[in-house]
Amino acid sequence: MVIDEMVCAKRTALAGVAIALALMQFPWSGQLIDPVHAQEEVRCPEDDGWLECRAAAGDPLAMYRLGRTEYEKAREDGDFTEALQMGRKLAATGDKNGERLLKMVHLQLSWGHNKDYVQAYVWMVEDRNSGIDYLDKLINNLSEKMTPQQLAEAKQLAGQ
């Protein structure tokens, strides 16, 4: 008898999940995916601005896609400002892709791929101070590439 009750409870739970999923809209429909905000209707244009609109509405996949686009652009032009901001914003929501994107940016910064070493150093110290534990080694990697003047300026700006 207990087994039958467990099976019934599991089926009921699965049915609830199925109903919830059926009620949720997919990203291309113009509705938010997040069930917490499902009642908020967001209509995005069906043109080039769609992705930006979805990201602004809080769609984590759209935010990640924009962040990855900025990351790839930064690898070419050496300015990781936008990629870092997107990674920080997405990681702050607890999204695993955001955490990965942020770590990818941190690695690029530590390898000296940002055109401004001083700014890269400051960004990594800010993120370390916010609780990201892997940054000590990456900050050391970058500091080895910096001139004594750059390092002194970076430490001053970072409040060290």
N, C-alpha and C. Protein backbone atom coordinates (compact mmCIF):
# COMPACT_ATOMS: atom_id res chain seq x y z
N MET A 1 0.81 -1.19 0.00
CA MET A 1 0.00 0.00 0.00
C MET A 1 0.86 1.27 0.00
N VAL A 2 1.94 1.26 0.77
CA VAL A 2 2.82 2.42 0.84
C VAL A 2 3.45 2.69 -0.52
N ILE A 3 3.81 1.65 -1.25
CA ILE A 3 4.41 1.81 -2.57
C ILE A 3 3.43 2.46 -3.52
N ASP A 4 2.16 2.06 -3.47
CA ASP A 4 1.15 2.67 -4.33
C ASP A 4 0.99 4.16 -4.04
N GLU A 5 1.05 4.54 -2.75
CA GLU A 5 0.95 5.95 -2.38
C GLU A 5 2.15 6.74 -2.90
N MET A 6 3.34 6.13 -2.85
CA MET A 6 4.55 6.80 -3.35
C MET A 6 4.46 6.99 -4.86
N VAL A 7 4.01 5.97 -5.55
CA VAL A 7 3.87 6.07 -7.01
C VAL A 7 2.85 7.16 -7.35
N CYS A 8 1.76 7.19 -6.62
CA CYS A 8 0.73 8.21 -6.86
C CYS A 8 1.28 9.61 -6.60
N ALA A 9 2.05 9.76 -5.52
CA ALA A 9 2.63 11.07 -5.20
C ALA A 9 3.61 11.50 -6.28
N LYS A 10 4.43 10.58 -6.76
CA LYS A 10 5.38 10.90 -7.83
C LYS A 10 4.66 11.31 -9.10
N ARG A 11 3.60 10.56 -9.44
CA ARG A 11 2.84 10.89 -10.65
C ARG A 11 2.18 12.26 -10.53
N THR A 12 1.67 12.56 -9.36
CA THR A 12 1.04 13.86 -9.13
C THR A 12 2.07 14.98 -9.27
N ALA A 13 3.25 14.76 -8.69
CA ALA A 13 4.31 15.76 -8.79
C ALA A 13 4.74 15.95 -10.24
N LEU A 14 4.90 14.85 -10.96
CA LEU A 14 5.29 14.95 -12.37
C LEU A 14 4.22 15.64 -13.20
N ALA A 15 2.95 15.38 -12.88
CA ALA A 15 1.87 16.04 -13.60
C ALA A 15 1.91 17.55 -13.35
N GLY A 16 2.20 17.94 -12.10
CA GLY A 16 2.31 19.35 -11.78
C GLY A 16 3.43 20.02 -12.54
N VAL A 17 4.57 19.33 -12.63
CA VAL A 17 5.70 19.87 -13.39
C VAL A 17 5.33 19.98 -14.86
N ALA A 18 4.67 18.96 -15.39
CA ALA A 18 4.28 18.99 -16.81
C ALA A 18 3.33 20.16 -17.09
N ILE A 19 2.40 20.39 -16.18
CA ILE A 19 1.47 21.52 -16.37
C ILE A 19 2.22 22.84 -16.31
N ALA A 20 3.11 22.96 -15.33
CA ALA A 20 3.90 24.20 -15.21
C ALA A 20 4.71 24.45 -16.47
N LEU A 21 5.34 23.40 -16.99
CA LEU A 21 6.14 23.55 -18.21
C LEU A 21 5.26 23.90 -19.41
N ALA A 22 4.10 23.33 -19.47
CA ALA A 22 3.20 23.61 -20.58
C ALA A 22 2.73 25.06 -20.56
N LEU A 23 2.58 25.61 -19.35
CA LEU A 23 2.13 26.99 -19.23
C LEU A 23 3.22 28.01 -19.52
N MET A 24 4.48 27.58 -19.38
CA MET A 24 5.60 28.50 -19.63
C MET A 24 5.77 28.68 -21.13
N GLN A 25 6.13 29.88 -21.51
CA GLN A 25 6.36 30.19 -22.91
C GLN A 25 7.83 30.04 -23.23
N PHE A 26 8.14 29.76 -24.46
CA PHE A 26 9.52 29.65 -24.89
C PHE A 26 10.05 31.03 -25.26
N PRO A 27 11.41 31.19 -25.26
CA PRO A 27 11.98 32.52 -25.47
C PRO A 27 11.58 33.19 -26.77
N TRP A 28 11.30 32.44 -27.79
CA TRP A 28 10.99 33.08 -29.07
C TRP A 28 9.55 33.57 -29.14
N SER A 29 8.77 33.31 -28.08
CA SER A 29 7.38 33.73 -28.11
C SER A 29 7.17 35.15 -27.61
N GLY A 30 8.21 35.75 -27.02
CA GLY A 30 8.06 37.09 -26.49
C GLY A 30 7.71 37.12 -25.02
N GLN A 31 7.60 35.96 -24.38
CA GLN A 31 7.31 35.89 -22.96
C GLN A 31 8.57 35.52 -22.20
N LEU A 32 8.62 35.89 -20.93
CA LEU A 32 9.74 35.50 -20.07
C LEU A 32 9.69 34.00 -19.79
N ILE A 33 10.84 33.38 -19.68
CA ILE A 33 10.93 31.98 -19.34
C ILE A 33 10.77 31.81 -17.83
N ASP A 34 11.28 32.71 -17.07
CA ASP A 34 11.29 32.64 -15.62
C ASP A 34 9.87 32.59 -15.09
N PRO A 35 9.48 31.48 -14.43
CA PRO A 35 8.10 31.37 -13.97
C PRO A 35 7.73 32.41 -12.92
N VAL A 36 8.70 32.92 -12.19
CA VAL A 36 8.42 33.96 -11.20
C VAL A 36 7.89 35.21 -11.89
N HIS A 37 8.42 35.49 -13.08
CA HIS A 37 8.01 36.69 -13.82
C HIS A 37 7.08 36.36 -14.98
N ALA A 38 6.53 35.15 -14.99
CA ALA A 38 5.71 34.73 -16.13
C ALA A 38 4.50 35.62 -16.32
N GLN A 39 4.00 36.22 -15.23
CA GLN A 39 2.83 37.07 -15.37
C GLN A 39 3.16 38.41 -16.02
N GLU A 40 4.45 38.78 -16.00
CA GLU A 40 4.86 40.03 -16.64
C GLU A 40 5.03 39.77 -18.13
N GLU A 41 4.31 40.48 -18.91
CA GLU A 41 4.38 40.27 -20.34
C GLU A 41 5.41 41.21 -20.95
N VAL A 42 6.37 40.66 -21.64
CA VAL A 42 7.40 41.44 -22.30
C VAL A 42 7.34 41.10 -23.79
N ARG A 43 7.09 42.09 -24.56
CA ARG A 43 7.05 41.91 -26.01
C ARG A 43 8.32 42.49 -26.60
N CYS A 44 9.05 41.66 -27.28
CA CYS A 44 10.30 42.10 -27.90
C CYS A 44 10.11 42.16 -29.41
N PRO A 45 10.79 43.10 -30.05
CA PRO A 45 10.69 43.20 -31.50
C PRO A 45 11.26 41.94 -32.15
N GLU A 46 10.75 41.62 -33.28
CA GLU A 46 11.24 40.44 -33.99
C GLU A 46 12.25 40.86 -35.06
N ASP A 47 13.20 41.70 -34.65
CA ASP A 47 14.24 42.15 -35.57
C ASP A 47 15.58 42.02 -34.87
N ASP A 48 16.52 42.84 -35.27
CA ASP A 48 17.88 42.76 -34.72
C ASP A 48 17.94 43.08 -33.23
N GLY A 49 16.99 43.79 -32.68
CA GLY A 49 17.02 44.16 -31.28
C GLY A 49 16.42 43.13 -30.34
N TRP A 50 15.99 42.00 -30.90
CA TRP A 50 15.32 40.98 -30.09
C TRP A 50 16.19 40.46 -28.95
N LEU A 51 17.42 40.11 -29.25
CA LEU A 51 18.30 39.54 -28.24
C LEU A 51 18.56 40.52 -27.10
N GLU A 52 18.83 41.77 -27.44
CA GLU A 52 19.05 42.79 -26.42
C GLU A 52 17.81 42.99 -25.56
N CYS A 53 16.65 42.97 -26.18
CA CYS A 53 15.39 43.12 -25.45
C CYS A 53 15.19 41.96 -24.49
N ARG A 54 15.43 40.75 -24.96
CA ARG A 54 15.28 39.56 -24.10
C ARG A 54 16.27 39.62 -22.94
N ALA A 55 17.50 40.05 -23.21
CA ALA A 55 18.50 40.15 -22.14
C ALA A 55 18.08 41.20 -21.12
N ALA A 56 17.57 42.33 -21.59
CA ALA A 56 17.11 43.39 -20.68
C ALA A 56 15.92 42.92 -19.85
N ALA A 57 15.14 41.99 -20.39
CA ALA A 57 13.99 41.45 -19.67
C ALA A 57 14.40 40.39 -18.65
N GLY A 58 15.69 40.05 -18.63
CA GLY A 58 16.18 39.08 -17.64
C GLY A 58 16.29 37.66 -18.12
N ASP A 59 16.16 37.44 -19.42
CA ASP A 59 16.29 36.09 -19.97
C ASP A 59 17.76 35.66 -19.86
N PRO A 60 18.07 34.66 -19.02
CA PRO A 60 19.47 34.29 -18.81
C PRO A 60 20.17 33.78 -20.07
N LEU A 61 19.46 33.09 -20.94
CA LEU A 61 20.10 32.61 -22.17
C LEU A 61 20.46 33.77 -23.10
N ALA A 62 19.59 34.75 -23.18
CA ALA A 62 19.88 35.92 -24.01
C ALA A 62 21.03 36.71 -23.40
N MET A 63 21.05 36.83 -22.08
CA MET A 63 22.15 37.54 -21.41
C MET A 63 23.47 36.83 -21.68
N TYR A 64 23.45 35.51 -21.60
CA TYR A 64 24.68 34.75 -21.85
C TYR A 64 25.13 34.91 -23.30
N ARG A 65 24.19 34.84 -24.23
CA ARG A 65 24.54 34.97 -25.65
C ARG A 65 25.17 36.33 -25.92
N LEU A 66 24.60 37.39 -25.35
CA LEU A 66 25.19 38.73 -25.51
C LEU A 66 26.58 38.79 -24.87
N GLY A 67 26.70 38.20 -23.69
CA GLY A 67 27.98 38.18 -23.01
C GLY A 67 29.05 37.45 -23.81
N ARG A 68 28.67 36.32 -24.42
CA ARG A 68 29.62 35.57 -25.23
C ARG A 68 30.01 36.36 -26.48
N THR A 69 29.07 37.08 -27.05
CA THR A 69 29.37 37.91 -28.21
C THR A 69 30.37 39.00 -27.82
N GLU A 70 30.13 39.63 -26.67
CA GLU A 70 31.06 40.66 -26.19
C GLU A 70 32.42 40.06 -25.85
N TYR A 71 32.43 38.86 -25.32
CA TYR A 71 33.68 38.17 -25.00
C TYR A 71 34.50 37.92 -26.26
N GLU A 72 33.86 37.42 -27.29
CA GLU A 72 34.57 37.15 -28.55
C GLU A 72 35.08 38.44 -29.18
N LYS A 73 34.27 39.49 -29.10
CA LYS A 73 34.71 40.80 -29.62
C LYS A 73 35.92 41.31 -28.83
N ALA A 74 35.88 41.12 -27.52
CA ALA A 74 36.97 41.59 -26.66
C ALA A 74 38.27 40.85 -26.94
N ARG A 75 38.17 39.61 -27.32
CA ARG A 75 39.38 38.85 -27.64
C ARG A 75 40.07 39.44 -28.87
N GLU A 76 39.32 40.13 -29.70
CA GLU A 76 39.88 40.78 -30.88
C GLU A 76 40.37 42.20 -30.57
N ASP A 77 39.55 42.97 -29.85
CA ASP A 77 39.91 44.38 -29.65
C ASP A 77 40.58 44.69 -28.30
N GLY A 78 40.63 43.71 -27.40
CA GLY A 78 41.34 43.91 -26.15
C GLY A 78 40.61 44.73 -25.11
N ASP A 79 39.29 44.90 -25.25
CA ASP A 79 38.51 45.65 -24.27
C ASP A 79 37.42 44.73 -23.70
N PHE A 80 37.66 44.24 -22.50
CA PHE A 80 36.76 43.28 -21.87
C PHE A 80 35.70 43.93 -20.99
N THR A 81 35.53 45.23 -21.09
CA THR A 81 34.59 45.95 -20.24
C THR A 81 33.18 45.38 -20.32
N GLU A 82 32.63 45.27 -21.50
CA GLU A 82 31.25 44.80 -21.66
C GLU A 82 31.11 43.33 -21.31
N ALA A 83 32.06 42.51 -21.70
CA ALA A 83 32.00 41.08 -21.38
C ALA A 83 32.04 40.88 -19.87
N LEU A 84 32.87 41.65 -19.19
CA LEU A 84 32.95 41.55 -17.73
C LEU A 84 31.63 41.95 -17.09
N GLN A 85 31.05 43.05 -17.54
CA GLN A 85 29.79 43.52 -16.96
C GLN A 85 28.67 42.50 -17.17
N MET A 86 28.61 41.92 -18.37
CA MET A 86 27.59 40.90 -18.64
C MET A 86 27.82 39.67 -17.78
N GLY A 87 29.07 39.25 -17.66
CA GLY A 87 29.39 38.09 -16.83
C GLY A 87 29.05 38.33 -15.37
N ARG A 88 29.39 39.51 -14.86
CA ARG A 88 29.07 39.85 -13.47
C ARG A 88 27.56 39.84 -13.23
N LYS A 89 26.83 40.47 -14.14
CA LYS A 89 25.39 40.57 -13.98
C LYS A 89 24.73 39.19 -13.98
N LEU A 90 25.14 38.36 -14.90
CA LEU A 90 24.56 37.03 -15.01
C LEU A 90 24.99 36.14 -13.85
N ALA A 91 26.25 36.22 -13.46
CA ALA A 91 26.74 35.42 -12.33
C ALA A 91 26.03 35.82 -11.04
N ALA A 92 25.69 37.08 -10.91
CA ALA A 92 25.00 37.56 -9.70
C ALA A 92 23.63 36.91 -9.54
N THR A 93 23.06 36.42 -10.63
CA THR A 93 21.77 35.73 -10.54
C THR A 93 21.93 34.28 -10.14
N GLY A 94 23.18 33.81 -10.07
CA GLY A 94 23.45 32.41 -9.74
C GLY A 94 23.48 31.51 -10.95
N ASP A 95 23.41 32.09 -12.13
CA ASP A 95 23.41 31.30 -13.36
C ASP A 95 24.80 30.71 -13.60
N LYS A 96 24.85 29.40 -13.84
CA LYS A 96 26.14 28.71 -14.05
C LYS A 96 26.85 29.23 -15.31
N ASN A 97 26.11 29.53 -16.36
CA ASN A 97 26.75 30.08 -17.56
C ASN A 97 27.37 31.44 -17.27
N GLY A 98 26.73 32.22 -16.42
CA GLY A 98 27.29 33.51 -16.03
C GLY A 98 28.58 33.34 -15.26
N GLU A 99 28.61 32.36 -14.37
CA GLU A 99 29.83 32.08 -13.62
C GLU A 99 30.96 31.65 -14.55
N ARG A 100 30.62 30.82 -15.54
CA ARG A 100 31.62 30.38 -16.51
C ARG A 100 32.14 31.54 -17.35
N LEU A 101 31.21 32.38 -17.81
CA LEU A 101 31.61 33.54 -18.61
C LEU A 101 32.53 34.45 -17.80
N LEU A 102 32.18 34.69 -16.56
CA LEU A 102 33.00 35.55 -15.71
C LEU A 102 34.39 34.96 -15.52
N LYS A 103 34.46 33.66 -15.32
CA LYS A 103 35.77 33.02 -15.16
C LYS A 103 36.58 33.10 -16.45
N MET A 104 35.92 32.95 -17.59
CA MET A 104 36.61 33.07 -18.88
C MET A 104 37.20 34.47 -19.03
N VAL A 105 36.44 35.48 -18.65
CA VAL A 105 36.93 36.86 -18.71
C VAL A 105 38.11 37.04 -17.76
N HIS A 106 37.99 36.52 -16.55
CA HIS A 106 39.08 36.63 -15.59
C HIS A 106 40.36 35.99 -16.13
N LEU A 107 40.23 34.86 -16.78
CA LEU A 107 41.41 34.21 -17.36
C LEU A 107 42.05 35.10 -18.42
N GLN A 108 41.23 35.68 -19.29
CA GLN A 108 41.76 36.57 -20.33
C GLN A 108 42.47 37.77 -19.70
N LEU A 109 41.88 38.31 -18.63
CA LEU A 109 42.49 39.45 -17.95
C LEU A 109 43.84 39.04 -17.35
N SER A 110 43.88 37.87 -16.75
CA SER A 110 45.12 37.43 -16.10
C SER A 110 46.22 37.14 -17.10
N TRP A 111 45.85 36.79 -18.31
CA TRP A 111 46.84 36.52 -19.36
C TRP A 111 47.32 37.80 -20.03
N GLY A 112 46.77 38.93 -19.60
CA GLY A 112 47.19 40.22 -20.14
C GLY A 112 46.54 40.56 -21.46
N HIS A 113 45.36 40.01 -21.73
CA HIS A 113 44.70 40.26 -23.01
C HIS A 113 43.82 41.49 -23.01
N ASN A 114 43.62 42.12 -21.85
CA ASN A 114 42.92 43.39 -21.82
C ASN A 114 43.94 44.49 -22.13
N LYS A 115 43.56 45.46 -22.94
CA LYS A 115 44.53 46.49 -23.35
C LYS A 115 44.99 47.37 -22.20
N ASP A 116 44.24 47.41 -21.11
CA ASP A 116 44.60 48.23 -19.95
C ASP A 116 44.86 47.30 -18.76
N TYR A 117 46.13 47.02 -18.50
CA TYR A 117 46.50 46.13 -17.41
C TYR A 117 46.05 46.66 -16.05
N VAL A 118 46.15 47.96 -15.86
CA VAL A 118 45.77 48.56 -14.58
C VAL A 118 44.29 48.31 -14.32
N GLN A 119 43.46 48.56 -15.32
CA GLN A 119 42.02 48.35 -15.16
C GLN A 119 41.72 46.87 -14.92
N ALA A 120 42.38 45.99 -15.63
CA ALA A 120 42.18 44.55 -15.46
C ALA A 120 42.50 44.13 -14.03
N TYR A 121 43.58 44.65 -13.50
CA TYR A 121 43.99 44.35 -12.13
C TYR A 121 42.90 44.81 -11.15
N VAL A 122 42.44 46.02 -11.32
CA VAL A 122 41.42 46.57 -10.43
C VAL A 122 40.14 45.73 -10.49
N TRP A 123 39.71 45.36 -11.69
CA TRP A 123 38.51 44.53 -11.83
C TRP A 123 38.66 43.21 -11.08
N MET A 124 39.81 42.58 -11.22
CA MET A 124 39.98 41.29 -10.56
C MET A 124 40.03 41.44 -9.04
N VAL A 125 40.62 42.51 -8.55
CA VAL A 125 40.63 42.75 -7.10
C VAL A 125 39.20 42.99 -6.61
N GLU A 126 38.42 43.76 -7.36
CA GLU A 126 37.01 43.98 -7.00
C GLU A 126 36.27 42.66 -6.89
N ASP A 127 36.46 41.80 -7.88
CA ASP A 127 35.75 40.52 -7.87
C ASP A 127 36.27 39.61 -6.77
N ARG A 128 37.56 39.65 -6.50
CA ARG A 128 38.10 38.86 -5.39
C ARG A 128 37.49 39.35 -4.07
N ASN A 129 37.39 40.65 -3.92
CA ASN A 129 36.81 41.22 -2.70
C ASN A 129 35.32 40.90 -2.56
N SER A 130 34.67 40.58 -3.67
CA SER A 130 33.25 40.22 -3.61
C SER A 130 33.06 38.73 -3.31
N GLY A 131 34.17 38.00 -3.19
CA GLY A 131 34.06 36.61 -2.75
C GLY A 131 34.48 35.55 -3.75
N ILE A 132 35.02 35.93 -4.87
CA ILE A 132 35.47 34.92 -5.84
C ILE A 132 36.86 34.46 -5.41
N ASP A 133 36.96 33.19 -5.07
CA ASP A 133 38.15 32.69 -4.40
C ASP A 133 39.32 32.31 -5.30
N TYR A 134 39.12 32.12 -6.57
CA TYR A 134 40.20 31.67 -7.44
C TYR A 134 41.08 32.81 -7.97
N LEU A 135 40.76 34.04 -7.62
CA LEU A 135 41.39 35.19 -8.26
C LEU A 135 42.79 35.53 -7.76
N ASP A 136 43.18 35.06 -6.59
CA ASP A 136 44.53 35.40 -6.10
C ASP A 136 45.61 35.00 -7.10
N LYS A 137 45.54 33.78 -7.58
CA LYS A 137 46.55 33.30 -8.54
C LYS A 137 46.47 34.09 -9.85
N LEU A 138 45.28 34.39 -10.31
CA LEU A 138 45.13 35.13 -11.56
C LEU A 138 45.65 36.56 -11.43
N ILE A 139 45.41 37.17 -10.29
CA ILE A 139 45.94 38.52 -10.04
C ILE A 139 47.46 38.49 -10.05
N ASN A 140 48.03 37.48 -9.43
CA ASN A 140 49.50 37.33 -9.45
C ASN A 140 50.03 37.14 -10.86
N ASN A 141 49.30 36.35 -11.67
CA ASN A 141 49.72 36.15 -13.07
C ASN A 141 49.78 37.48 -13.81
N LEU A 142 48.75 38.30 -13.64
CA LEU A 142 48.73 39.59 -14.33
C LEU A 142 49.81 40.51 -13.79
N SER A 143 49.99 40.53 -12.48
CA SER A 143 50.97 41.47 -11.89
C SER A 143 52.39 41.18 -12.39
N GLU A 144 52.69 39.93 -12.76
CA GLU A 144 53.99 39.59 -13.32
C GLU A 144 54.21 40.21 -14.70
N LYS A 145 53.14 40.57 -15.38
CA LYS A 145 53.23 41.15 -16.72
C LYS A 145 53.27 42.69 -16.67
N MET A 146 53.02 43.25 -15.51
CA MET A 146 52.90 44.70 -15.38
C MET A 146 54.24 45.34 -15.01
N THR A 147 54.39 46.59 -15.42
CA THR A 147 55.58 47.35 -15.01
C THR A 147 55.39 47.76 -13.55
N PRO A 148 56.46 48.09 -12.86
CA PRO A 148 56.30 48.55 -11.47
C PRO A 148 55.37 49.77 -11.35
N GLN A 149 55.42 50.66 -12.33
CA GLN A 149 54.54 51.84 -12.29
C GLN A 149 53.07 51.42 -12.45
N GLN A 150 52.80 50.52 -13.39
CA GLN A 150 51.43 50.05 -13.58
C GLN A 150 50.91 49.36 -12.31
N LEU A 151 51.76 48.53 -11.74
CA LEU A 151 51.35 47.78 -10.53
C LEU A 151 51.09 48.74 -9.37
N ALA A 152 51.92 49.74 -9.21
CA ALA A 152 51.71 50.73 -8.13
C ALA A 152 50.40 51.47 -8.35
N GLU A 153 50.13 51.89 -9.58
CA GLU A 153 48.89 52.59 -9.88
C GLU A 153 47.68 51.69 -9.65
N ALA A 154 47.78 50.43 -10.09
CA ALA A 154 46.67 49.49 -9.93
C ALA A 154 46.37 49.24 -8.45
N LYS A 155 47.42 49.06 -7.67
CA LYS A 155 47.22 48.82 -6.23
C LYS A 155 46.60 50.04 -5.56
N GLN A 156 47.00 51.20 -5.97
CA GLN A 156 46.42 52.42 -5.39
C GLN A 156 44.93 52.50 -5.75
N LEU A 157 44.60 52.27 -7.03
CA LEU A 157 43.21 52.34 -7.46
C LEU A 157 42.35 51.26 -6.82
N ALA A 158 42.96 50.10 -6.55
CA ALA A 158 42.23 49.00 -5.95
C ALA A 158 42.16 49.11 -4.43
N GLY A 159 42.82 50.14 -3.88
CA GLY A 159 42.77 50.34 -2.44
C GLY A 159 43.64 49.37 -1.67
N GLN A 160 44.74 48.95 -2.27
CA GLN A 160 45.63 48.00 -1.59
C GLN A 160 46.82 48.72 -1.02
